[in-house]
């Protein structure tokens, strides 16, 4: 007896010391780095029809699962080079 997949199912996964989340939905499966939103998604239909290799190659060319970035201490994002922060000044009505 099999159980139909009707809701989202998430499982933690560790590959080569990196933590991932595998999400199974009735439409697709998705693997993402733990704590991230974007990842690689593959529709069940593409997998069954044999289009899986093409779909994965396309996603890999667009970005797929990103490598972890090295952030400065404190985990804060830094501003892009060349961009200056501007303070907002409120003008008094004339």
Protein backbone atom coordinates (compact mmCIF):
# COMPACT_ATOMS: atom_id res chain seq x y z
CA UNK A 1 0.00 0.00 0.00
CA UNK A 2 1.31 3.47 -0.87
CA UNK A 3 0.53 6.83 0.66
CA UNK A 4 -0.29 9.68 -1.75
CA UNK A 5 1.71 12.90 -1.44
CA UNK A 6 -0.89 15.60 -0.74
CA UNK A 7 1.05 18.13 1.34
CA UNK A 8 4.61 19.47 1.47
CA UNK A 9 7.17 17.18 3.05
CA UNK A 10 10.56 18.55 4.17
CA UNK A 11 13.63 16.58 5.24
CA UNK A 12 17.13 17.64 6.35
CA UNK A 13 20.04 16.25 4.36
CA UNK A 14 23.81 16.44 4.81
CA UNK A 15 26.09 16.06 1.78
CA UNK A 16 29.87 16.47 2.11
CA UNK A 17 29.43 18.38 5.36
CA UNK A 18 26.97 20.88 3.86
CA UNK A 19 23.40 21.04 5.17
CA UNK A 20 20.48 20.95 2.71
CA UNK A 21 16.69 20.82 2.88
CA UNK A 22 14.83 18.50 0.52
CA UNK A 23 11.23 19.60 -0.12
CA UNK A 24 8.72 17.28 -1.76
CA UNK A 25 5.43 18.67 -3.05
CA UNK A 26 2.77 17.08 -5.27
CA UNK A 27 4.20 19.14 -8.18
CA UNK A 28 7.98 18.97 -7.72
CA UNK A 29 11.02 18.27 -5.58
CA UNK A 30 13.39 21.02 -4.48
CA UNK A 31 16.79 21.01 -2.78
CA UNK A 32 18.17 24.14 -1.13
CA UNK A 33 21.01 25.06 1.18
CA UNK A 34 19.74 25.14 4.75
CA UNK A 35 18.65 28.67 5.66
CA UNK A 36 18.30 29.77 2.03
CA UNK A 37 15.26 30.11 -0.23
CA UNK A 38 16.65 29.55 -3.69
CA UNK A 39 17.70 26.12 -4.83
CA UNK A 40 17.22 23.57 -7.58
CA UNK A 41 13.64 22.56 -8.35
CA UNK A 42 12.61 19.70 -10.61
CA UNK A 43 9.01 19.02 -11.63
CA UNK A 44 7.89 15.42 -11.31
CA UNK A 45 6.57 15.63 -14.88
CA UNK A 46 10.05 16.53 -16.19
CA UNK A 47 11.56 13.65 -14.24
CA UNK A 48 9.06 11.12 -15.60
CA UNK A 49 9.23 12.42 -19.21
CA UNK A 50 13.03 12.27 -19.27
CA UNK A 51 13.43 16.06 -19.42
CA UNK A 52 15.20 16.05 -16.05
CA UNK A 53 18.72 16.39 -17.49
CA UNK A 54 17.66 19.38 -19.59
CA UNK A 55 15.87 21.06 -16.66
CA UNK A 56 18.82 20.57 -14.32
CA UNK A 57 21.31 21.83 -16.92
CA UNK A 58 19.21 24.96 -17.42
CA UNK A 59 18.99 25.65 -13.69
CA UNK A 60 22.72 25.04 -13.27
CA UNK A 61 23.46 27.62 -15.96
CA UNK A 62 21.21 30.15 -14.22
CA UNK A 63 22.66 29.63 -10.76
CA UNK A 64 21.19 26.57 -9.06
CA UNK A 65 22.51 26.07 -5.56
CA UNK A 66 24.95 28.84 -4.71
CA UNK A 67 28.22 28.20 -2.94
CA UNK A 68 28.36 29.63 0.56
CA UNK A 69 29.84 33.11 0.66
CA UNK A 70 32.35 34.37 3.20
CA UNK A 71 30.82 37.22 5.16
CA UNK A 72 32.59 39.55 7.53
CA UNK A 73 32.40 38.92 11.26
CA UNK A 74 28.94 39.45 12.65
CA UNK A 75 27.28 38.05 9.51
CA UNK A 76 26.31 41.48 8.20
CA UNK A 77 26.15 42.22 4.51
CA UNK A 78 28.52 44.86 3.21
CA UNK A 79 27.62 47.59 0.76
CA UNK A 80 28.58 47.12 -2.86
CA UNK A 81 31.80 48.87 -3.88
CA UNK A 82 31.21 52.30 -5.34
CA UNK A 83 27.88 52.84 -3.61
CA UNK A 84 27.64 55.50 -0.94
CA UNK A 85 25.03 55.65 1.74
CA UNK A 86 23.03 58.85 1.77
CA UNK A 87 21.24 60.24 4.76
CA UNK A 88 17.75 61.52 4.30
CA UNK A 89 17.21 65.14 5.18
CA UNK A 90 13.74 66.42 5.76
CA UNK A 91 13.09 69.81 4.31
CA UNK A 92 11.07 72.35 6.21
CA UNK A 93 8.01 73.59 4.37
CA UNK A 94 8.49 77.04 2.80
